[in-house]
Structure formats: C-alpha cells, structure tokens
C-alpha atoms as a PDB file:
ATOM      1  CA  UNK A   1      30.908  -3.277   5.446  1.00  0.00           C
ATOM      2  CA  UNK A   2      27.603  -1.574   4.682  1.00  0.00           C
ATOM      3  CA  UNK A   3      26.932  -0.510   8.296  1.00  0.00           C
ATOM      4  CA  UNK A   4      30.420   0.858   8.880  1.00  0.00           C
ATOM      5  CA  UNK A   5      29.875   4.607   9.229  1.00  0.00           C
ATOM      6  CA  UNK A   6      32.517   7.249   9.859  1.00  0.00           C
ATOM      7  CA  UNK A   7      31.041   9.883  12.145  1.00  0.00           C
ATOM      8  CA  UNK A   8      32.743  13.256  12.556  1.00  0.00           C
ATOM      9  CA  UNK A   9      30.814  15.635  14.809  1.00  0.00           C
ATOM     10  CA  UNK A  10      27.251  15.543  13.448  1.00  0.00           C
ATOM     11  CA  UNK A  11      28.235  14.295   9.984  1.00  0.00           C
ATOM     12  CA  UNK A  12      28.162  10.687   8.796  1.00  0.00           C
ATOM     13  CA  UNK A  13      30.153   9.236   5.921  1.00  0.00           C
ATOM     14  CA  UNK A  14      30.004   5.808   4.322  1.00  0.00           C
ATOM     15  CA  UNK A  15      33.469   6.026   2.805  1.00  0.00           C
ATOM     16  CA  UNK A  16      36.594   6.456   4.885  1.00  0.00           C
ATOM     17  CA  UNK A  17      38.589   7.579   1.867  1.00  0.00           C
ATOM     18  CA  UNK A  18      39.543  11.251   1.854  1.00  0.00           C
ATOM     19  CA  UNK A  19      40.818  12.550  -1.481  1.00  0.00           C
ATOM     20  CA  UNK A  20      42.756  15.694  -2.280  1.00  0.00           C
ATOM     21  CA  UNK A  21      42.814  18.301  -4.991  1.00  0.00           C
ATOM     22  CA  UNK A  22      46.503  18.548  -5.867  1.00  0.00           C
ATOM     23  CA  UNK A  23      48.613  17.074  -8.663  1.00  0.00           C
ATOM     24  CA  UNK A  24      45.883  16.775 -11.281  1.00  0.00           C
ATOM     25  CA  UNK A  25      46.476  18.006 -14.835  1.00  0.00           C
ATOM     26  CA  UNK A  26      43.133  19.789 -14.906  1.00  0.00           C
ATOM     27  CA  UNK A  27      40.108  20.520 -12.771  1.00  0.00           C
ATOM     28  CA  UNK A  28      38.088  18.193 -15.007  1.00  0.00           C
ATOM     29  CA  UNK A  29      40.512  15.321 -14.357  1.00  0.00           C
ATOM     30  CA  UNK A  30      40.288  16.049 -10.624  1.00  0.00           C
ATOM     31  CA  UNK A  31      36.477  15.912 -10.730  1.00  0.00           C
ATOM     32  CA  UNK A  32      36.534  12.588 -12.597  1.00  0.00           C
ATOM     33  CA  UNK A  33      38.998  11.123 -10.078  1.00  0.00           C
ATOM     34  CA  UNK A  34      36.844  12.239  -7.156  1.00  0.00           C
ATOM     35  CA  UNK A  35      33.778  10.642  -8.706  1.00  0.00           C
ATOM     36  CA  UNK A  36      35.573   7.382  -9.489  1.00  0.00           C
ATOM     37  CA  UNK A  37      37.032   7.173  -5.961  1.00  0.00           C
ATOM     38  CA  UNK A  38      33.712   6.901  -4.155  1.00  0.00           C
ATOM     39  CA  UNK A  39      35.016   9.309  -1.524  1.00  0.00           C
ATOM     40  CA  UNK A  40      32.672  11.684   0.258  1.00  0.00           C
ATOM     41  CA  UNK A  41      35.314  14.039   1.684  1.00  0.00           C
ATOM     42  CA  UNK A  42      37.645  16.237  -0.374  1.00  0.00           C
ATOM     43  CA  UNK A  43      40.500  18.066   1.277  1.00  0.00           C
ATOM     44  CA  UNK A  44      41.450  21.466  -0.144  1.00  0.00           C
ATOM     45  CA  UNK A  45      44.627  23.424   0.634  1.00  0.00           C
ATOM     46  CA  UNK A  46      43.220  26.834   1.528  1.00  0.00           C
ATOM     47  CA  UNK A  47      46.435  28.649   0.552  1.00  0.00           C
ATOM     48  CA  UNK A  48      46.302  27.186  -2.959  1.00  0.00           C
ATOM     49  CA  UNK A  49      42.710  27.858  -3.975  1.00  0.00           C
ATOM     50  CA  UNK A  50      41.064  30.923  -5.466  1.00  0.00           C
ATOM     51  CA  UNK A  51      38.576  31.823  -2.738  1.00  0.00           C
ATOM     52  CA  UNK A  52      37.209  35.051  -4.191  1.00  0.00           C
ATOM     53  CA  UNK A  53      35.731  33.068  -7.110  1.00  0.00           C
ATOM     54  CA  UNK A  54      36.236  35.914  -9.613  1.00  0.00           C
ATOM     55  CA  UNK A  55      37.989  33.465 -11.896  1.00  0.00           C
ATOM     56  CA  UNK A  56      37.860  29.712 -12.387  1.00  0.00           C
ATOM     57  CA  UNK A  57      38.539  27.818  -9.184  1.00  0.00           C
ATOM     58  CA  UNK A  58      38.921  24.150  -8.301  1.00  0.00           C
ATOM     59  CA  UNK A  59      35.928  24.745  -6.020  1.00  0.00           C
ATOM     60  CA  UNK A  60      33.807  25.097  -9.174  1.00  0.00           C
ATOM     61  CA  UNK A  61      34.485  21.395  -9.818  1.00  0.00           C
ATOM     62  CA  UNK A  62      33.640  20.050  -6.341  1.00  0.00           C
ATOM     63  CA  UNK A  63      29.910  19.561  -5.789  1.00  0.00           C
ATOM     64  CA  UNK A  64      29.200  20.597  -2.169  1.00  0.00           C
ATOM     65  CA  UNK A  65      26.020  18.499  -2.213  1.00  0.00           C
ATOM     66  CA  UNK A  66      28.038  15.387  -2.994  1.00  0.00           C
ATOM     67  CA  UNK A  67      31.300  16.043  -1.112  1.00  0.00           C
ATOM     68  CA  UNK A  68      32.130  17.473   2.282  1.00  0.00           C
ATOM     69  CA  UNK A  69      34.935  19.975   1.929  1.00  0.00           C
ATOM     70  CA  UNK A  70      37.785  19.546   4.379  1.00  0.00           C
ATOM     71  CA  UNK A  71      39.965  22.641   4.166  1.00  0.00           C
ATOM     72  CA  UNK A  72      43.548  22.106   5.215  1.00  0.00           C
ATOM     73  CA  UNK A  73      46.241  24.477   6.359  1.00  0.00           C
ATOM     74  CA  UNK A  74      48.995  22.984   4.180  1.00  0.00           C
ATOM     75  CA  UNK A  75      51.966  25.287   3.791  1.00  0.00           C
ATOM     76  CA  UNK A  76      51.530  27.002   7.154  1.00  0.00           C
ATOM     77  CA  UNK A  77      54.637  27.318   9.341  1.00  0.00           C
ATOM     78  CA  UNK A  78      53.105  28.895  12.460  1.00  0.00           C
ATOM     79  CA  UNK A  79      50.046  28.280  14.588  1.00  0.00           C
ATOM     80  CA  UNK A  80      48.875  31.816  13.894  1.00  0.00           C
ATOM     81  CA  UNK A  81      49.084  31.309  10.135  1.00  0.00           C
ATOM     82  CA  UNK A  82      47.182  27.999  10.365  1.00  0.00           C
ATOM     83  CA  UNK A  83      44.452  29.619  12.474  1.00  0.00           C
ATOM     84  CA  UNK A  84      44.170  32.459   9.962  1.00  0.00           C
ATOM     85  CA  UNK A  85      43.648  30.089   7.024  1.00  0.00           C
ATOM     86  CA  UNK A  86      41.209  27.855   8.930  1.00  0.00           C
ATOM     87  CA  UNK A  87      39.124  30.900   9.839  1.00  0.00           C
ATOM     88  CA  UNK A  88      39.295  32.154   6.254  1.00  0.00           C
ATOM     89  CA  UNK A  89      38.046  28.801   4.931  1.00  0.00           C
ATOM     90  CA  UNK A  90      35.115  28.842   7.329  1.00  0.00           C
ATOM     91  CA  UNK A  91      34.347  32.484   6.487  1.00  0.00           C
ATOM     92  CA  UNK A  92      33.961  31.685   2.780  1.00  0.00           C
ATOM     93  CA  UNK A  93      31.691  28.740   3.599  1.00  0.00           C
ATOM     94  CA  UNK A  94      34.017  25.797   3.095  1.00  0.00           C
ATOM     95  CA  UNK A  95      33.564  24.061   6.457  1.00  0.00           C
ATOM     96  CA  UNK A  96      33.939  24.278  10.197  1.00  0.00           C
ATOM     97  CA  UNK A  97      35.994  21.090  10.040  1.00  0.00           C
ATOM     98  CA  UNK A  98      39.674  21.504   9.273  1.00  0.00           C
ATOM     99  CA  UNK A  99      42.650  19.308   8.495  1.00  0.00           C
ATOM    100  CA  UNK A 100      45.187  21.166  10.578  1.00  0.00           C
ATOM    101  CA  UNK A 101      48.806  21.291   9.452  1.00  0.00           C
ATOM    102  CA  UNK A 102      51.684  23.326  10.897  1.00  0.00           C
ATOM    103  CA  UNK A 103      55.061  22.584   9.347  1.00  0.00           C
ATOM    104  CA  UNK A 104      58.007  22.450  11.714  1.00  0.00           C
ATOM    105  CA  UNK A 105      60.830  21.634   9.325  1.00  0.00           C
ATOM    106  CA  UNK A 106      60.977  23.033   5.803  1.00  0.00           C
ATOM    107  CA  UNK A 107      63.255  20.278   4.505  1.00  0.00           C
ATOM    108  CA  UNK A 108      61.396  17.221   5.843  1.00  0.00           C
ATOM    109  CA  UNK A 109      57.952  18.837   6.254  1.00  0.00           C
ATOM    110  CA  UNK A 110      57.664  17.183   9.669  1.00  0.00           C
ATOM    111  CA  UNK A 111      54.971  18.822  11.779  1.00  0.00           C
ATOM    112  CA  UNK A 112      55.481  21.364  14.517  1.00  0.00           C
ATOM    113  CA  UNK A 113      53.625  19.499  17.270  1.00  0.00           C
ATOM    114  CA  UNK A 114      53.640  22.428  19.683  1.00  0.00           C
ATOM    115  CA  UNK A 115      52.283  24.667  16.921  1.00  0.00           C
ATOM    116  CA  UNK A 116      49.583  22.103  16.134  1.00  0.00           C
ATOM    117  CA  UNK A 117      48.489  21.984  19.772  1.00  0.00           C
ATOM    118  CA  UNK A 118      48.468  25.770  20.031  1.00  0.00           C
ATOM    119  CA  UNK A 119      46.386  26.130  16.845  1.00  0.00           C
ATOM    120  CA  UNK A 120      44.054  23.324  17.930  1.00  0.00           C
ATOM    121  CA  UNK A 121      43.288  25.001  21.244  1.00  0.00           C
ATOM    122  CA  UNK A 122      42.476  28.279  19.509  1.00  0.00           C
ATOM    123  CA  UNK A 123      40.308  26.679  16.817  1.00  0.00           C
ATOM    124  CA  UNK A 124      38.371  24.520  19.264  1.00  0.00           C
ATOM    125  CA  UNK A 125      37.526  27.657  21.258  1.00  0.00           C
ATOM    126  CA  UNK A 126      36.357  29.168  17.934  1.00  0.00           C
ATOM    127  CA  UNK A 127      33.919  26.278  17.399  1.00  0.00           C
ATOM    128  CA  UNK A 128      35.847  24.177  14.885  1.00  0.00           C
END
C-alpha cells in the first residue's frame, strides 16, 4: 500500500514495522538487520544503552537520518523511574517520542496500568 502512511505527531513513516536493538550478537549484526527490515523506527531501551558516548554504543550504529529513535522505558518498575528515563532520553537528543513501559509484576512482566497512566500524564505535560 504505497499511500499508507503512519503519522505520529508531525512525523510520517512509510513502514509500520518498529524494530528493536536487543538480542543481537553484535552492533554490526543489529545494523544489518535494521537495514534489511525496511523499518524506519528503532526502539532503544534507555536503561541499556551507553548515553555518554565515551565508549562504543549501539547508538553509533543507528543512523538518525535514516531511523527515528523511539526510546523506551523497559525495565522501569515505577512511574517516577519511567519519567526519569524518558526525560533523560530526550535530554541526550534521542526523541520526544517515547515507548512507555512500567512493569507491574516482576515474574510475568505485566504492565502496571496505573503507573503507566501516571507517567503518561506527567510526560504529556512535559511535551512528549
């Protein structure tokens, strides 16, 4: 469907596939998989990436001109923690979009829906 466009805020995407950055054997393999996928959005777990860029980072292998970064708050167990990592991602220039995750149960990883709503309200007020 050539005219099927995914629009998020003021951004338009021609692929609805969102790919991640985890479980690859190397950053090079990750980059090749992203390219082969045709995706335009790459989600990055903020807690698991080297943001200070003083050493090699997976961000070195994601071309920001080709892919929109979608930071996520994977591994956060409270609304406050999720808000902190979303703000951190925006501060280092990743994005003002966020894939918000607040874990409610450590065993099943089911979400904390109240925590998600609380974090969402805060982040929306912050301009996310």
